[in-house]
Structure formats: C-alpha cells, structure tokens
Amino acid sequence: MADISQKACSICGKTYPMQEFSYGNKGNRSYCRACDKAEKSAYSAGGTEAARQFREQQRAKWRGAA
C-alpha cells in the first residue's frame, strides 16, 4: 500500500513529503517547491512556451530513465 504522507512530483518524478507540495495559498499542488520555482524562472525568462518546454524536458528525463 502506498504511503499517503508522500507524493511524487509531476515534473521531476521524485517522491517528497506532502509538505513539499503545500506552498503559496494552495495546499495540494502537483509540483514540488523546487520544480515550481524553476518553472516560474523559465516562465519569467521566456513566457508560456518556455515554461512548457521546461516541464516537458524535466518529465522526459525521469520518464526516459524508468
């Protein structure tokens, strides 16, 4: 049975405690704090398309390794 006190990030695929997904004004996000910060940096540098490319590249890293 899965441990409900942990969750996998939908960008990097790493498993973190649930507290890592509770930031800002929301409590149950799909990205860990580190990925959220990196995605926001990509968005600031290049807009929506840059943020989408960042997410796809990160997901390809861990999905390709599986």
PDB file of N, CA and C in Angstrom:
ATOM      1  N   MET A   1       0.841  -1.180   0.000  1.00  0.00           N
ATOM      2  CA  MET A   1       0.000   0.000   0.000  1.00  0.00           C
ATOM      3  C   MET A   1       0.888   1.246   0.000  1.00  0.00           C
ATOM      4  N   ALA A   2       0.511   2.256  -0.764  1.00  0.00           N
ATOM      5  CA  ALA A   2       1.289   3.480  -0.882  1.00  0.00           C
ATOM      6  C   ALA A   2       1.223   4.293   0.408  1.00  0.00           C
ATOM      7  N   ASP A   3       2.332   4.965   0.680  1.00  0.00           N
ATOM      8  CA  ASP A   3       2.406   5.838   1.855  1.00  0.00           C
ATOM      9  C   ASP A   3       1.744   7.167   1.499  1.00  0.00           C
ATOM     10  N   ILE A   4       0.648   7.504   2.146  1.00  0.00           N
ATOM     11  CA  ILE A   4      -0.083   8.723   1.806  1.00  0.00           C
ATOM     12  C   ILE A   4       0.570   9.984   2.354  1.00  0.00           C
ATOM     13  N   SER A   5       1.642   9.840   3.117  1.00  0.00           N
ATOM     14  CA  SER A   5       2.342  11.017   3.618  1.00  0.00           C
ATOM     15  C   SER A   5       3.399  11.480   2.616  1.00  0.00           C
ATOM     16  N   GLN A   6       3.491  10.799   1.476  1.00  0.00           N
ATOM     17  CA  GLN A   6       4.447  11.163   0.437  1.00  0.00           C
ATOM     18  C   GLN A   6       3.730  11.262  -0.897  1.00  0.00           C
ATOM     19  N   LYS A   7       4.357  12.004  -1.815  1.00  0.00           N
ATOM     20  CA  LYS A   7       3.750  12.220  -3.120  1.00  0.00           C
ATOM     21  C   LYS A   7       4.863  12.415  -4.139  1.00  0.00           C
ATOM     22  N   ALA A   8       4.623  12.015  -5.382  1.00  0.00           N
ATOM     23  CA  ALA A   8       5.602  12.201  -6.453  1.00  0.00           C
ATOM     24  C   ALA A   8       5.308  13.498  -7.195  1.00  0.00           C
ATOM     25  N   CYS A   9       6.343  14.247  -7.479  1.00  0.00           N
ATOM     26  CA  CYS A   9       6.225  15.485  -8.243  1.00  0.00           C
ATOM     27  C   CYS A   9       5.903  15.134  -9.694  1.00  0.00           C
ATOM     28  N   SER A  10       4.999  15.874 -10.313  1.00  0.00           N
ATOM     29  CA  SER A  10       4.624  15.583 -11.689  1.00  0.00           C
ATOM     30  C   SER A  10       5.619  16.139 -12.709  1.00  0.00           C
ATOM     31  N   ILE A  11       6.626  16.873 -12.251  1.00  0.00           N
ATOM     32  CA  ILE A  11       7.649  17.377 -13.164  1.00  0.00           C
ATOM     33  C   ILE A  11       8.936  16.556 -13.036  1.00  0.00           C
ATOM     34  N   CYS A  12       9.482  16.434 -11.831  1.00  0.00           N
ATOM     35  CA  CYS A  12      10.766  15.734 -11.674  1.00  0.00           C
ATOM     36  C   CYS A  12      10.613  14.257 -11.356  1.00  0.00           C
ATOM     37  N   GLY A  13       9.437  13.858 -10.898  1.00  0.00           N
ATOM     38  CA  GLY A  13       9.191  12.451 -10.612  1.00  0.00           C
ATOM     39  C   GLY A  13       9.708  11.969  -9.270  1.00  0.00           C
ATOM     40  N   LYS A  14      10.352  12.831  -8.508  1.00  0.00           N
ATOM     41  CA  LYS A  14      10.880  12.453  -7.201  1.00  0.00           C
ATOM     42  C   LYS A  14       9.764  12.447  -6.164  1.00  0.00           C
ATOM     43  N   THR A  15       9.913  11.604  -5.162  1.00  0.00           N
ATOM     44  CA  THR A  15       8.923  11.498  -4.099  1.00  0.00           C
ATOM     45  C   THR A  15       9.347  12.361  -2.916  1.00  0.00           C
ATOM     46  N   TYR A  16       8.417  13.169  -2.435  1.00  0.00           N
ATOM     47  CA  TYR A  16       8.672  14.085  -1.330  1.00  0.00           C
ATOM     48  C   TYR A  16       7.559  13.960  -0.297  1.00  0.00           C
ATOM     49  N   PRO A  17       7.806  14.451   0.929  1.00  0.00           N
ATOM     50  CA  PRO A  17       6.716  14.539   1.917  1.00  0.00           C
ATOM     51  C   PRO A  17       5.640  15.504   1.410  1.00  0.00           C
ATOM     52  N   MET A  18       4.425  15.314   1.845  1.00  0.00           N
ATOM     53  CA  MET A  18       3.304  16.150   1.391  1.00  0.00           C
ATOM     54  C   MET A  18       3.540  17.644   1.640  1.00  0.00           C
ATOM     55  N   GLN A  19       4.300  17.988   2.667  1.00  0.00           N
ATOM     56  CA  GLN A  19       4.558  19.401   2.969  1.00  0.00           C
ATOM     57  C   GLN A  19       5.266  20.110   1.814  1.00  0.00           C
ATOM     58  N   GLU A  20       5.994  19.356   0.991  1.00  0.00           N
ATOM     59  CA  GLU A  20       6.725  19.933  -0.129  1.00  0.00           C
ATOM     60  C   GLU A  20       5.773  20.432  -1.226  1.00  0.00           C
ATOM     61  N   PHE A  21       4.518  20.008  -1.191  1.00  0.00           N
ATOM     62  CA  PHE A  21       3.536  20.381  -2.205  1.00  0.00           C
ATOM     63  C   PHE A  21       2.543  21.417  -1.690  1.00  0.00           C
ATOM     64  N   SER A  22       2.784  21.940  -0.508  1.00  0.00           N
ATOM     65  CA  SER A  22       1.906  22.928   0.094  1.00  0.00           C
ATOM     66  C   SER A  22       2.669  24.241   0.216  1.00  0.00           C
ATOM     67  N   TYR A  23       2.422  25.152  -0.726  1.00  0.00           N
ATOM     68  CA  TYR A  23       3.087  26.452  -0.706  1.00  0.00           C
ATOM     69  C   TYR A  23       2.166  27.471  -1.344  1.00  0.00           C
ATOM     70  N   GLY A  24       2.440  28.728  -1.091  1.00  0.00           N
ATOM     71  CA  GLY A  24       1.541  29.775  -1.577  1.00  0.00           C
ATOM     72  C   GLY A  24       0.208  29.673  -0.863  1.00  0.00           C
ATOM     73  N   ASN A  25      -0.853  29.890  -1.579  1.00  0.00           N
ATOM     74  CA  ASN A  25      -2.195  29.829  -0.988  1.00  0.00           C
ATOM     75  C   ASN A  25      -2.888  28.505  -1.261  1.00  0.00           C
ATOM     76  N   LYS A  26      -2.188  27.540  -1.822  1.00  0.00           N
ATOM     77  CA  LYS A  26      -2.785  26.249  -2.129  1.00  0.00           C
ATOM     78  C   LYS A  26      -2.086  25.156  -1.338  1.00  0.00           C
ATOM     79  N   GLY A  27      -2.834  24.112  -1.016  1.00  0.00           N
ATOM     80  CA  GLY A  27      -2.279  23.071  -0.176  1.00  0.00           C
ATOM     81  C   GLY A  27      -1.933  21.779  -0.863  1.00  0.00           C
ATOM     82  N   ASN A  28      -2.431  21.528  -2.072  1.00  0.00           N
ATOM     83  CA  ASN A  28      -2.201  20.240  -2.696  1.00  0.00           C
ATOM     84  C   ASN A  28      -1.815  20.426  -4.163  1.00  0.00           C
ATOM     85  N   ARG A  29      -0.610  20.882  -4.378  1.00  0.00           N
ATOM     86  CA  ARG A  29      -0.140  21.134  -5.736  1.00  0.00           C
ATOM     87  C   ARG A  29       0.454  19.864  -6.334  1.00  0.00           C
ATOM     88  N   SER A  30       0.671  19.865  -7.633  1.00  0.00           N
ATOM     89  CA  SER A  30       1.245  18.685  -8.279  1.00  0.00           C
ATOM     90  C   SER A  30       2.758  18.807  -8.463  1.00  0.00           C
ATOM     91  N   TYR A  31       3.309  20.007  -8.325  1.00  0.00           N
ATOM     92  CA  TYR A  31       4.746  20.220  -8.453  1.00  0.00           C
ATOM     93  C   TYR A  31       5.366  20.424  -7.077  1.00  0.00           C
ATOM     94  N   CYS A  32       6.587  19.922  -6.895  1.00  0.00           N
ATOM     95  CA  CYS A  32       7.311  20.198  -5.652  1.00  0.00           C
ATOM     96  C   CYS A  32       7.764  21.662  -5.676  1.00  0.00           C
ATOM     97  N   ARG A  33       8.189  22.149  -4.555  1.00  0.00           N
ATOM     98  CA  ARG A  33       8.597  23.562  -4.457  1.00  0.00           C
ATOM     99  C   ARG A  33       9.739  23.888  -5.408  1.00  0.00           C
ATOM    100  N   ALA A  34      10.745  23.003  -5.497  1.00  0.00           N
ATOM    101  CA  ALA A  34      11.908  23.255  -6.357  1.00  0.00           C
ATOM    102  C   ALA A  34      11.499  23.354  -7.826  1.00  0.00           C
ATOM    103  N   CYS A  35      10.633  22.455  -8.271  1.00  0.00           N
ATOM    104  CA  CYS A  35      10.180  22.489  -9.668  1.00  0.00           C
ATOM    105  C   CYS A  35       9.302  23.699  -9.929  1.00  0.00           C
ATOM    106  N   ASP A  36       8.489  24.072  -8.977  1.00  0.00           N
ATOM    107  CA  ASP A  36       7.648  25.252  -9.134  1.00  0.00           C
ATOM    108  C   ASP A  36       8.520  26.495  -9.308  1.00  0.00           C
ATOM    109  N   LYS A  37       9.555  26.591  -8.500  1.00  0.00           N
ATOM    110  CA  LYS A  37      10.459  27.740  -8.586  1.00  0.00           C
ATOM    111  C   LYS A  37      11.181  27.764  -9.934  1.00  0.00           C
ATOM    112  N   ALA A  38      11.663  26.603 -10.386  1.00  0.00           N
ATOM    113  CA  ALA A  38      12.366  26.525 -11.665  1.00  0.00           C
ATOM    114  C   ALA A  38      11.427  26.822 -12.829  1.00  0.00           C
ATOM    115  N   GLU A  39      10.185  26.341 -12.740  1.00  0.00           N
ATOM    116  CA  GLU A  39       9.218  26.610 -13.800  1.00  0.00           C
ATOM    117  C   GLU A  39       8.886  28.095 -13.861  1.00  0.00           C
ATOM    118  N   LYS A  40       8.753  28.733 -12.719  1.00  0.00           N
ATOM    119  CA  LYS A  40       8.479  30.170 -12.699  1.00  0.00           C
ATOM    120  C   LYS A  40       9.645  30.965 -13.283  1.00  0.00           C
ATOM    121  N   SER A  41      10.859  30.516 -13.034  1.00  0.00           N
ATOM    122  CA  SER A  41      12.033  31.178 -13.622  1.00  0.00           C
ATOM    123  C   SER A  41      12.021  31.048 -15.144  1.00  0.00           C
ATOM    124  N   ALA A  42      11.686  29.845 -15.636  1.00  0.00           N
ATOM    125  CA  ALA A  42      11.598  29.633 -17.083  1.00  0.00           C
ATOM    126  C   ALA A  42      10.509  30.517 -17.679  1.00  0.00           C
ATOM    127  N   TYR A  43       9.375  30.616 -17.002  1.00  0.00           N
ATOM    128  CA  TYR A  43       8.275  31.459 -17.471  1.00  0.00           C
ATOM    129  C   TYR A  43       8.702  32.923 -17.517  1.00  0.00           C
ATOM    130  N   SER A  44       9.396  33.371 -16.477  1.00  0.00           N
ATOM    131  CA  SER A  44       9.846  34.771 -16.439  1.00  0.00           C
ATOM    132  C   SER A  44      10.827  35.069 -17.562  1.00  0.00           C
ATOM    133  N   ALA A  45      11.653  34.087 -17.910  1.00  0.00           N
ATOM    134  CA  ALA A  45      12.659  34.288 -18.942  1.00  0.00           C
ATOM    135  C   ALA A  45      12.077  34.205 -20.350  1.00  0.00           C
ATOM    136  N   GLY A  46      11.068  33.348 -20.550  1.00  0.00           N
ATOM    137  CA  GLY A  46      10.611  33.145 -21.922  1.00  0.00           C
ATOM    138  C   GLY A  46       9.125  32.971 -22.116  1.00  0.00           C
ATOM    139  N   GLY A  47       8.336  33.184 -21.101  1.00  0.00           N
ATOM    140  CA  GLY A  47       6.889  33.103 -21.253  1.00  0.00           C
ATOM    141  C   GLY A  47       6.338  31.690 -21.169  1.00  0.00           C
ATOM    142  N   THR A  48       5.112  31.549 -21.616  1.00  0.00           N
ATOM    143  CA  THR A  48       4.378  30.294 -21.506  1.00  0.00           C
ATOM    144  C   THR A  48       5.087  29.150 -22.225  1.00  0.00           C
ATOM    145  N   GLU A  49       5.576  29.418 -23.423  1.00  0.00           N
ATOM    146  CA  GLU A  49       6.235  28.366 -24.204  1.00  0.00           C
ATOM    147  C   GLU A  49       7.504  27.868 -23.506  1.00  0.00           C
ATOM    148  N   ALA A  50       8.274  28.751 -22.908  1.00  0.00           N
ATOM    149  CA  ALA A  50       9.488  28.353 -22.194  1.00  0.00           C
ATOM    150  C   ALA A  50       9.149  27.498 -20.974  1.00  0.00           C
ATOM    151  N   ALA A  51       8.083  27.848 -20.274  1.00  0.00           N
ATOM    152  CA  ALA A  51       7.659  27.069 -19.107  1.00  0.00           C
ATOM    153  C   ALA A  51       7.199  25.680 -19.544  1.00  0.00           C
ATOM    154  N   ARG A  52       6.470  25.596 -20.646  1.00  0.00           N
ATOM    155  CA  ARG A  52       6.013  24.301 -21.161  1.00  0.00           C
ATOM    156  C   ARG A  52       7.196  23.438 -21.569  1.00  0.00           C
ATOM    157  N   GLN A  53       8.170  24.026 -22.254  1.00  0.00           N
ATOM    158  CA  GLN A  53       9.360  23.278 -22.660  1.00  0.00           C
ATOM    159  C   GLN A  53      10.135  22.781 -21.446  1.00  0.00           C
ATOM    160  N   PHE A  54      10.248  23.609 -20.414  1.00  0.00           N
ATOM    161  CA  PHE A  54      10.925  23.198 -19.187  1.00  0.00           C
ATOM    162  C   PHE A  54      10.256  21.960 -18.599  1.00  0.00           C
ATOM    163  N   ARG A  55       8.918  22.000 -18.471  1.00  0.00           N
ATOM    164  CA  ARG A  55       8.185  20.861 -17.901  1.00  0.00           C
ATOM    165  C   ARG A  55       8.382  19.606 -18.737  1.00  0.00           C
ATOM    166  N   GLU A  56       8.293  19.734 -20.049  1.00  0.00           N
ATOM    167  CA  GLU A  56       8.450  18.574 -20.921  1.00  0.00           C
ATOM    168  C   GLU A  56       9.858  17.988 -20.842  1.00  0.00           C
ATOM    169  N   GLN A  57      10.873  18.847 -20.793  1.00  0.00           N
ATOM    170  CA  GLN A  57      12.256  18.372 -20.700  1.00  0.00           C
ATOM    171  C   GLN A  57      12.503  17.643 -19.389  1.00  0.00           C
ATOM    172  N   GLN A  58      11.997  18.186 -18.288  1.00  0.00           N
ATOM    173  CA  GLN A  58      12.190  17.554 -16.985  1.00  0.00           C
ATOM    174  C   GLN A  58      11.459  16.221 -16.913  1.00  0.00           C
ATOM    175  N   ARG A  59      10.256  16.177 -17.431  1.00  0.00           N
ATOM    176  CA  ARG A  59       9.491  14.920 -17.419  1.00  0.00           C
ATOM    177  C   ARG A  59      10.161  13.870 -18.283  1.00  0.00           C
ATOM    178  N   ALA A  60      10.719  14.277 -19.415  1.00  0.00           N
ATOM    179  CA  ALA A  60      11.388  13.324 -20.294  1.00  0.00           C
ATOM    180  C   ALA A  60      12.607  12.701 -19.612  1.00  0.00           C
ATOM    181  N   LYS A  61      13.282  13.453 -18.763  1.00  0.00           N
ATOM    182  CA  LYS A  61      14.456  12.933 -18.043  1.00  0.00           C
ATOM    183  C   LYS A  61      14.089  11.752 -17.169  1.00  0.00           C
ATOM    184  N   TRP A  62      13.049  11.910 -16.338  1.00  0.00           N
ATOM    185  CA  TRP A  62      12.730  10.829 -15.418  1.00  0.00           C
ATOM    186  C   TRP A  62      11.868   9.754 -16.046  1.00  0.00           C
ATOM    187  N   ARG A  63      11.076  10.080 -17.040  1.00  0.00           N
ATOM    188  CA  ARG A  63      10.269   9.047 -17.697  1.00  0.00           C
ATOM    189  C   ARG A  63      11.131   8.183 -18.604  1.00  0.00           C
ATOM    190  N   GLY A  64      12.152   8.772 -19.207  1.00  0.00           N
ATOM    191  CA  GLY A  64      13.065   8.027 -20.061  1.00  0.00           C
ATOM    192  C   GLY A  64      13.968   7.102 -19.264  1.00  0.00           C
ATOM    193  N   ALA A  65      14.252   7.471 -18.016  1.00  0.00           N
ATOM    194  CA  ALA A  65      15.135   6.668 -17.164  1.00  0.00           C
ATOM    195  C   ALA A  65      14.398   5.474 -16.565  1.00  0.00           C
ATOM    196  N   ALA A  66      13.078   5.507 -16.551  1.00  0.00           N
ATOM    197  CA  ALA A  66      12.297   4.430 -15.927  1.00  0.00           C
ATOM    198  C   ALA A  66      12.256   3.167 -16.738  1.00  0.00           C
TER     199      ALA A  66
END
